[in-house]
Amino acid sequence: MRGVRDGSALPALVDLALKSPTGFGYALAFGELAVGLGTSSASSPGWRRSEAH
């Protein structure tokens, strides 16, 4: 794991994953959900107000 940590862009994240793998997994899962919900709601047709004609 030291090689992974040394070559990683954010070594602190590798340290966090080693110290608390369950917490790190939950953090990743919640982040993925947030991004997924943010991109799906922005791409849905109802996200903009329709102009009155």
PDB file of N, CA and C in Angstrom:
ATOM      1  N   MET A   1       0.819  -1.205   0.000  1.00  0.00           N
ATOM      2  CA  MET A   1       0.000   0.000   0.000  1.00  0.00           C
ATOM      3  C   MET A   1       0.853   1.254   0.000  1.00  0.00           C
ATOM      4  N   ARG A   2       2.085   1.138   0.446  1.00  0.00           N
ATOM      5  CA  ARG A   2       2.939   2.322   0.449  1.00  0.00           C
ATOM      6  C   ARG A   2       3.188   2.816  -0.978  1.00  0.00           C
ATOM      7  N   GLY A   3       3.333   1.877  -1.911  1.00  0.00           N
ATOM      8  CA  GLY A   3       3.528   2.262  -3.312  1.00  0.00           C
ATOM      9  C   GLY A   3       2.305   2.958  -3.886  1.00  0.00           C
ATOM     10  N   VAL A   4       1.139   2.485  -3.496  1.00  0.00           N
ATOM     11  CA  VAL A   4      -0.100   3.128  -3.943  1.00  0.00           C
ATOM     12  C   VAL A   4      -0.187   4.524  -3.352  1.00  0.00           C
ATOM     13  N   ARG A   5       0.141   4.643  -2.072  1.00  0.00           N
ATOM     14  CA  ARG A   5       0.068   5.945  -1.400  1.00  0.00           C
ATOM     15  C   ARG A   5       1.045   6.932  -2.018  1.00  0.00           C
ATOM     16  N   ASP A   6       2.265   6.480  -2.295  1.00  0.00           N
ATOM     17  CA  ASP A   6       3.276   7.381  -2.854  1.00  0.00           C
ATOM     18  C   ASP A   6       2.913   7.836  -4.266  1.00  0.00           C
ATOM     19  N   GLY A   7       2.249   6.994  -5.030  1.00  0.00           N
ATOM     20  CA  GLY A   7       1.890   7.348  -6.397  1.00  0.00           C
ATOM     21  C   GLY A   7       0.529   7.987  -6.539  1.00  0.00           C
ATOM     22  N   SER A   8      -0.167   8.144  -5.429  1.00  0.00           N
ATOM     23  CA  SER A   8      -1.528   8.668  -5.492  1.00  0.00           C
ATOM     24  C   SER A   8      -1.542  10.192  -5.573  1.00  0.00           C
ATOM     25  N   ALA A   9      -2.590  10.731  -6.180  1.00  0.00           N
ATOM     26  CA  ALA A   9      -2.735  12.183  -6.271  1.00  0.00           C
ATOM     27  C   ALA A   9      -3.060  12.789  -4.902  1.00  0.00           C
ATOM     28  N   LEU A  10      -3.818  12.068  -4.102  1.00  0.00           N
ATOM     29  CA  LEU A  10      -4.191  12.534  -2.766  1.00  0.00           C
ATOM     30  C   LEU A  10      -3.848  11.448  -1.737  1.00  0.00           C
ATOM     31  N   PRO A  11      -2.612  11.437  -1.241  1.00  0.00           N
ATOM     32  CA  PRO A  11      -2.212  10.407  -0.282  1.00  0.00           C
ATOM     33  C   PRO A  11      -3.073  10.374   0.985  1.00  0.00           C
ATOM     34  N   ALA A  12      -3.655  11.495   1.348  1.00  0.00           N
ATOM     35  CA  ALA A  12      -4.500  11.529   2.546  1.00  0.00           C
ATOM     36  C   ALA A  12      -5.727  10.635   2.380  1.00  0.00           C
ATOM     37  N   LEU A  13      -6.238  10.512   1.158  1.00  0.00           N
ATOM     38  CA  LEU A  13      -7.387   9.636   0.937  1.00  0.00           C
ATOM     39  C   LEU A  13      -7.005   8.175   1.112  1.00  0.00           C
ATOM     40  N   VAL A  14      -5.803   7.806   0.705  1.00  0.00           N
ATOM     41  CA  VAL A  14      -5.323   6.437   0.915  1.00  0.00           C
ATOM     42  C   VAL A  14      -5.172   6.178   2.412  1.00  0.00           C
ATOM     43  N   ASP A  15      -4.648   7.148   3.147  1.00  0.00           N
ATOM     44  CA  ASP A  15      -4.527   7.006   4.601  1.00  0.00           C
ATOM     45  C   ASP A  15      -5.901   6.827   5.239  1.00  0.00           C
ATOM     46  N   LEU A  16      -6.866   7.608   4.797  1.00  0.00           N
ATOM     47  CA  LEU A  16      -8.221   7.508   5.336  1.00  0.00           C
ATOM     48  C   LEU A  16      -8.822   6.133   5.035  1.00  0.00           C
ATOM     49  N   ALA A  17      -8.606   5.641   3.828  1.00  0.00           N
ATOM     50  CA  ALA A  17      -9.133   4.329   3.464  1.00  0.00           C
ATOM     51  C   ALA A  17      -8.497   3.230   4.306  1.00  0.00           C
ATOM     52  N   LEU A  18      -7.225   3.377   4.644  1.00  0.00           N
ATOM     53  CA  LEU A  18      -6.554   2.371   5.468  1.00  0.00           C
ATOM     54  C   LEU A  18      -7.022   2.423   6.917  1.00  0.00           C
ATOM     55  N   LYS A  19      -7.286   3.621   7.424  1.00  0.00           N
ATOM     56  CA  LYS A  19      -7.695   3.773   8.822  1.00  0.00           C
ATOM     57  C   LYS A  19      -9.151   3.381   9.037  1.00  0.00           C
ATOM     58  N   SER A  20     -10.003   3.741   8.084  1.00  0.00           N
ATOM     59  CA  SER A  20     -11.438   3.468   8.231  1.00  0.00           C
ATOM     60  C   SER A  20     -12.026   3.083   6.873  1.00  0.00           C
ATOM     61  N   PRO A  21     -11.858   1.825   6.464  1.00  0.00           N
ATOM     62  CA  PRO A  21     -12.354   1.425   5.146  1.00  0.00           C
ATOM     63  C   PRO A  21     -13.872   1.530   5.004  1.00  0.00           C
ATOM     64  N   THR A  22     -14.604   1.261   6.076  1.00  0.00           N
ATOM     65  CA  THR A  22     -16.063   1.354   5.994  1.00  0.00           C
ATOM     66  C   THR A  22     -16.506   2.800   5.822  1.00  0.00           C
ATOM     67  N   GLY A  23     -15.939   3.686   6.606  1.00  0.00           N
ATOM     68  CA  GLY A  23     -16.281   5.108   6.482  1.00  0.00           C
ATOM     69  C   GLY A  23     -15.903   5.656   5.123  1.00  0.00           C
ATOM     70  N   PHE A  24     -14.763   5.220   4.613  1.00  0.00           N
ATOM     71  CA  PHE A  24     -14.328   5.667   3.288  1.00  0.00           C
ATOM     72  C   PHE A  24     -15.295   5.170   2.216  1.00  0.00           C
ATOM     73  N   GLY A  25     -15.756   3.941   2.361  1.00  0.00           N
ATOM     74  CA  GLY A  25     -16.723   3.391   1.403  1.00  0.00           C
ATOM     75  C   GLY A  25     -18.037   4.146   1.421  1.00  0.00           C
ATOM     76  N   TYR A  26     -18.511   4.468   2.624  1.00  0.00           N
ATOM     77  CA  TYR A  26     -19.743   5.248   2.720  1.00  0.00           C
ATOM     78  C   TYR A  26     -19.564   6.640   2.124  1.00  0.00           C
ATOM     79  N   ALA A  27     -18.423   7.258   2.362  1.00  0.00           N
ATOM     80  CA  ALA A  27     -18.171   8.596   1.803  1.00  0.00           C
ATOM     81  C   ALA A  27     -18.176   8.553   0.278  1.00  0.00           C
ATOM     82  N   LEU A  28     -17.563   7.532  -0.290  1.00  0.00           N
ATOM     83  CA  LEU A  28     -17.571   7.384  -1.750  1.00  0.00           C
ATOM     84  C   LEU A  28     -18.987   7.162  -2.274  1.00  0.00           C
ATOM     85  N   ALA A  29     -19.740   6.317  -1.579  1.00  0.00           N
ATOM     86  CA  ALA A  29     -21.108   6.026  -2.018  1.00  0.00           C
ATOM     87  C   ALA A  29     -21.980   7.280  -1.987  1.00  0.00           C
ATOM     88  N   PHE A  30     -21.895   8.043  -0.899  1.00  0.00           N
ATOM     89  CA  PHE A  30     -22.691   9.267  -0.815  1.00  0.00           C
ATOM     90  C   PHE A  30     -22.262  10.287  -1.865  1.00  0.00           C
ATOM     91  N   GLY A  31     -20.965  10.369  -2.128  1.00  0.00           N
ATOM     92  CA  GLY A  31     -20.482  11.270  -3.172  1.00  0.00           C
ATOM     93  C   GLY A  31     -20.997  10.882  -4.543  1.00  0.00           C
ATOM     94  N   GLU A  32     -20.987   9.587  -4.827  1.00  0.00           N
ATOM     95  CA  GLU A  32     -21.509   9.111  -6.109  1.00  0.00           C
ATOM     96  C   GLU A  32     -23.001   9.392  -6.243  1.00  0.00           C
ATOM     97  N   LEU A  33     -23.744   9.199  -5.160  1.00  0.00           N
ATOM     98  CA  LEU A  33     -25.177   9.502  -5.194  1.00  0.00           C
ATOM     99  C   LEU A  33     -25.421  10.988  -5.427  1.00  0.00           C
ATOM    100  N   ALA A  34     -24.651  11.830  -4.765  1.00  0.00           N
ATOM    101  CA  ALA A  34     -24.825  13.277  -4.925  1.00  0.00           C
ATOM    102  C   ALA A  34     -24.556  13.707  -6.363  1.00  0.00           C
ATOM    103  N   VAL A  35     -23.496  13.175  -6.938  1.00  0.00           N
ATOM    104  CA  VAL A  35     -23.172  13.522  -8.327  1.00  0.00           C
ATOM    105  C   VAL A  35     -24.248  12.989  -9.269  1.00  0.00           C
ATOM    106  N   GLY A  36     -24.688  11.759  -9.027  1.00  0.00           N
ATOM    107  CA  GLY A  36     -25.725  11.173  -9.884  1.00  0.00           C
ATOM    108  C   GLY A  36     -27.024  11.949  -9.818  1.00  0.00           C
ATOM    109  N   LEU A  37     -27.428  12.329  -8.622  1.00  0.00           N
ATOM    110  CA  LEU A  37     -28.664  13.102  -8.491  1.00  0.00           C
ATOM    111  C   LEU A  37     -28.514  14.492  -9.090  1.00  0.00           C
ATOM    112  N   GLY A  38     -27.346  15.081  -8.927  1.00  0.00           N
ATOM    113  CA  GLY A  38     -27.117  16.421  -9.487  1.00  0.00           C
ATOM    114  C   GLY A  38     -27.130  16.424 -10.996  1.00  0.00           C
ATOM    115  N   THR A  39     -26.543  15.413 -11.604  1.00  0.00           N
ATOM    116  CA  THR A  39     -26.506  15.393 -13.066  1.00  0.00           C
ATOM    117  C   THR A  39     -27.834  14.956 -13.654  1.00  0.00           C
ATOM    118  N   SER A  40     -28.559  14.073 -12.976  1.00  0.00           N
ATOM    119  CA  SER A  40     -29.837  13.623 -13.532  1.00  0.00           C
ATOM    120  C   SER A  40     -30.890  14.719 -13.426  1.00  0.00           C
ATOM    121  N   SER A  41     -30.874  15.493 -12.355  1.00  0.00           N
ATOM    122  CA  SER A  41     -31.870  16.549 -12.228  1.00  0.00           C
ATOM    123  C   SER A  41     -31.551  17.716 -13.160  1.00  0.00           C
ATOM    124  N   ALA A  42     -30.282  17.944 -13.449  1.00  0.00           N
ATOM    125  CA  ALA A  42     -29.918  19.040 -14.352  1.00  0.00           C
ATOM    126  C   ALA A  42     -30.231  18.686 -15.793  1.00  0.00           C
ATOM    127  N   SER A  43     -30.265  17.413 -16.123  1.00  0.00           N
ATOM    128  CA  SER A  43     -30.508  17.038 -17.510  1.00  0.00           C
ATOM    129  C   SER A  43     -31.971  16.732 -17.784  1.00  0.00           C
ATOM    130  N   SER A  44     -32.805  16.723 -16.752  1.00  0.00           N
ATOM    131  CA  SER A  44     -34.222  16.445 -16.979  1.00  0.00           C
ATOM    132  C   SER A  44     -34.882  17.666 -17.604  1.00  0.00           C
ATOM    133  N   PRO A  45     -35.889  17.463 -18.433  1.00  0.00           N
ATOM    134  CA  PRO A  45     -36.499  18.602 -19.140  1.00  0.00           C
ATOM    135  C   PRO A  45     -37.225  19.582 -18.232  1.00  0.00           C
ATOM    136  N   GLY A  46     -37.615  19.196 -17.038  1.00  0.00           N
ATOM    137  CA  GLY A  46     -38.370  20.088 -16.175  1.00  0.00           C
ATOM    138  C   GLY A  46     -37.526  20.945 -15.264  1.00  0.00           C
ATOM    139  N   TRP A  47     -36.239  20.963 -15.429  1.00  0.00           N
ATOM    140  CA  TRP A  47     -35.404  21.709 -14.491  1.00  0.00           C
ATOM    141  C   TRP A  47     -35.389  23.192 -14.762  1.00  0.00           C
ATOM    142  N   ARG A  48     -35.767  23.606 -15.973  1.00  0.00           N
ATOM    143  CA  ARG A  48     -35.838  25.044 -16.292  1.00  0.00           C
ATOM    144  C   ARG A  48     -37.278  25.498 -16.267  1.00  0.00           C
ATOM    145  N   ARG A  49     -37.470  26.750 -15.947  1.00  0.00           N
ATOM    146  CA  ARG A  49     -38.820  27.298 -16.004  1.00  0.00           C
ATOM    147  C   ARG A  49     -39.216  27.523 -17.449  1.00  0.00           C
ATOM    148  N   SER A  50     -40.429  27.218 -17.746  1.00  0.00           N
ATOM    149  CA  SER A  50     -40.908  27.518 -19.105  1.00  0.00           C
ATOM    150  C   SER A  50     -41.383  28.956 -19.143  1.00  0.00           C
ATOM    151  N   GLU A  51     -41.140  29.592 -20.236  1.00  0.00           N
ATOM    152  CA  GLU A  51     -41.571  30.995 -20.366  1.00  0.00           C
ATOM    153  C   GLU A  51     -43.028  31.040 -20.778  1.00  0.00           C
ATOM    154  N   ALA A  52     -43.748  31.992 -20.240  1.00  0.00           N
ATOM    155  CA  ALA A  52     -45.151  32.170 -20.608  1.00  0.00           C
ATOM    156  C   ALA A  52     -45.218  32.870 -21.958  1.00  0.00           C
ATOM    157  N   HIS A  53     -46.039  32.360 -22.839  1.00  0.00           N
ATOM    158  CA  HIS A  53     -46.175  32.962 -24.185  1.00  0.00           C
ATOM    159  C   HIS A  53     -47.440  33.736 -24.287  1.00  0.00           C
TER     160      HIS A  53
END
